[in-house]
Amino acid sequence: MRALEVALSLLLAAFGLFAAFEASKLRSPAASLTQDVLGPGFFPFWLGVAVAGLATVGLLQTLVRRADAVASVGPRSWGAVGIMILAIVLYVGAVGLFGFVLATFLFVLGTLIALKQPVTLSGLTAAVVTGTLYLVFARWLQVPLPVGPFGW
């Protein structure tokens, strides 16, 4: 099992570096005129860097961990995976019906509550995550997000 984790970590790190390298080649005409434009490679580059960095952390954790300290996957773990898959499927359908803001808030809130987090903390987290995503994508990057029947 440990060899599989090492191989997977190395594969993910290589993939992340490859993605970052390829994304660094993406240029837009506007990016060459001014330095204020992020360009099409900005997000994929940093996503690749993050994948490579997290894979490296996972590799180091695998190498440092004792051989007998293997995590077991029980029925509760599979239940959490099932909850997440169901929540994602429902979220995809809800974005078109309710809009990005409401669907994202409900998705984060419902997922956290289903994973047995305190309701108050879940609500606060859902509001902060939804607000941050809205500000970054709709306002800062000016990405048109799906609008629901309430206009937001």
Protein backbone atom coordinates (compact mmCIF):
# COMPACT_ATOMS: atom_id res chain seq x y z
CA MET A 1 0.00 0.00 0.00
CA ARG A 2 2.86 2.35 0.82
CA ALA A 3 4.46 1.84 -2.59
CA LEU A 4 1.15 2.69 -4.24
CA GLU A 5 0.90 5.93 -2.25
CA VAL A 6 4.45 6.89 -3.19
CA ALA A 7 3.80 6.16 -6.87
CA LEU A 8 0.53 8.12 -6.83
CA SER A 9 2.18 11.09 -5.12
CA LEU A 10 4.99 11.11 -7.68
CA LEU A 11 2.51 10.83 -10.55
CA LEU A 12 0.40 13.70 -9.20
CA ALA A 13 3.49 15.87 -8.63
CA ALA A 14 4.66 15.22 -12.19
CA PHE A 15 1.19 16.00 -13.54
CA GLY A 16 1.04 19.25 -11.56
CA LEU A 17 4.45 20.36 -12.82
CA PHE A 18 3.51 19.43 -16.39
CA ALA A 19 0.25 21.40 -16.11
CA ALA A 20 2.06 24.43 -14.68
CA PHE A 21 4.70 24.27 -17.42
CA GLU A 22 2.10 24.04 -20.19
CA ALA A 23 -0.02 26.79 -18.64
CA SER A 24 3.00 29.09 -18.53
CA LYS A 25 3.05 28.93 -22.35
CA LEU A 26 -0.48 30.35 -22.64
CA ARG A 27 -0.42 33.96 -23.69
CA SER A 28 -3.09 36.39 -24.75
CA PRO A 29 -2.66 39.45 -26.96
CA ALA A 30 -3.88 41.67 -24.14
CA ALA A 31 -1.31 40.27 -21.71
CA SER A 32 1.53 41.42 -23.96
CA LEU A 33 0.21 45.01 -23.97
CA THR A 34 -0.14 45.49 -20.24
CA GLN A 35 0.95 43.74 -17.07
CA ASP A 36 -2.47 44.26 -15.42
CA VAL A 37 -4.09 41.40 -17.35
CA LEU A 38 -3.92 37.97 -15.70
CA GLY A 39 -4.18 36.06 -18.96
CA PRO A 40 -5.53 32.61 -19.76
CA GLY A 41 -2.67 30.73 -18.09
CA PHE A 42 -2.90 32.34 -14.67
CA PHE A 43 -5.37 29.98 -13.01
CA PRO A 44 -4.11 26.73 -14.65
CA PHE A 45 -0.51 27.61 -13.75
CA TRP A 46 -1.24 28.11 -10.06
CA LEU A 47 -3.54 25.10 -9.99
CA GLY A 48 -0.68 22.98 -11.35
CA VAL A 49 1.69 24.43 -8.75
CA ALA A 50 -0.83 23.66 -5.99
CA VAL A 51 -1.31 20.07 -7.19
CA ALA A 52 2.45 19.52 -7.35
CA GLY A 53 2.94 21.07 -3.91
CA LEU A 54 0.18 19.06 -2.26
CA ALA A 55 1.42 15.87 -3.91
CA THR A 56 4.88 16.58 -2.51
CA VAL A 57 3.40 17.05 0.97
CA GLY A 58 1.55 13.74 0.57
CA LEU A 59 4.76 12.03 -0.53
CA LEU A 60 6.64 13.36 2.49
CA GLN A 61 3.86 12.28 4.84
CA THR A 62 3.89 8.79 3.30
CA LEU A 63 7.67 8.48 3.65
CA VAL A 64 7.69 9.73 7.27
CA ARG A 65 4.71 7.66 8.46
CA ARG A 66 5.40 4.36 10.17
CA ALA A 67 4.64 1.29 8.08
CA ASP A 68 2.07 -0.04 10.56
CA ALA A 69 0.11 3.24 10.68
CA VAL A 70 -2.13 2.52 7.71
CA ALA A 71 -5.54 4.18 7.67
CA SER A 72 -8.45 1.83 7.29
CA VAL A 73 -11.42 2.63 5.10
CA GLY A 74 -14.63 1.70 6.85
CA PRO A 75 -18.34 2.04 6.10
CA ARG A 76 -18.42 5.56 7.54
CA SER A 77 -15.73 6.69 5.07
CA TRP A 78 -17.72 5.29 2.16
CA GLY A 79 -20.84 7.01 3.47
CA ALA A 80 -19.03 10.36 3.42
CA VAL A 81 -17.90 9.71 -0.15
CA GLY A 82 -21.49 8.89 -1.14
CA ILE A 83 -22.75 12.07 0.52
CA MET A 84 -20.23 14.15 -1.41
CA ILE A 85 -21.08 12.55 -4.76
CA LEU A 86 -24.79 13.08 -4.17
CA ALA A 87 -24.23 16.68 -3.05
CA ILE A 88 -22.18 17.45 -6.17
CA VAL A 89 -24.81 15.96 -8.49
CA LEU A 90 -27.55 17.96 -6.75
CA TYR A 91 -25.41 21.11 -6.88
CA VAL A 92 -24.88 20.83 -10.63
CA GLY A 93 -28.64 20.65 -11.15
CA ALA A 94 -29.38 23.39 -8.64
CA VAL A 95 -27.02 25.97 -10.16
CA GLY A 96 -29.19 26.25 -13.26
CA LEU A 97 -32.41 26.45 -11.25
CA PHE A 98 -31.47 28.65 -8.30
CA GLY A 99 -28.39 30.51 -9.57
CA PHE A 100 -24.79 30.35 -8.42
CA VAL A 101 -25.14 32.20 -5.12
CA LEU A 102 -28.07 30.29 -3.63
CA ALA A 103 -26.99 26.89 -4.99
CA THR A 104 -23.42 27.31 -3.73
CA PHE A 105 -24.59 28.44 -0.29
CA LEU A 106 -26.95 25.46 0.00
CA PHE A 107 -24.30 23.06 -1.32
CA VAL A 108 -21.67 24.11 1.22
CA LEU A 109 -24.18 24.32 4.07
CA GLY A 110 -25.78 20.95 3.32
CA THR A 111 -22.46 19.21 2.86
CA LEU A 112 -21.04 20.50 6.13
CA ILE A 113 -24.19 19.62 8.06
CA ALA A 114 -24.26 16.14 6.50
CA LEU A 115 -20.67 15.68 7.61
CA LYS A 116 -21.76 16.46 11.19
CA GLN A 117 -20.37 19.98 11.55
CA PRO A 118 -22.10 22.44 13.89
CA VAL A 119 -24.98 24.24 12.16
CA THR A 120 -23.85 27.74 13.17
CA LEU A 121 -20.30 27.18 11.96
CA SER A 122 -21.63 25.53 8.79
CA GLY A 123 -23.82 28.55 8.01
CA LEU A 124 -20.99 30.98 8.61
CA THR A 125 -18.59 28.91 6.50
CA ALA A 126 -21.15 28.61 3.69
CA ALA A 127 -21.69 32.38 3.67
CA VAL A 128 -17.96 33.16 3.64
CA VAL A 129 -17.17 30.59 0.93
CA THR A 130 -20.08 31.70 -1.27
CA GLY A 131 -19.29 35.38 -0.80
CA THR A 132 -15.61 34.87 -1.54
CA LEU A 133 -16.30 32.85 -4.68
CA TYR A 134 -18.81 35.44 -5.87
CA LEU A 135 -16.43 38.34 -5.29
CA VAL A 136 -13.50 36.61 -6.97
CA PHE A 137 -15.33 35.29 -10.02
CA ALA A 138 -18.23 37.68 -10.61
CA ARG A 139 -16.67 40.96 -9.50
CA TRP A 140 -12.90 40.65 -9.81
CA LEU A 141 -12.56 38.29 -12.81
CA GLN A 142 -15.94 39.35 -14.27
CA VAL A 143 -17.02 35.80 -15.05
CA PRO A 144 -20.74 35.63 -15.82
CA LEU A 145 -22.27 33.28 -13.25
CA PRO A 146 -25.69 31.61 -13.53
CA VAL A 147 -28.45 33.83 -12.15
CA GLY A 148 -31.49 32.31 -10.47
CA PRO A 149 -35.10 33.42 -10.34
CA PHE A 150 -34.26 35.96 -7.61
CA GLY A 151 -31.77 37.83 -9.80
CA TRP A 152 -28.66 36.67 -7.91
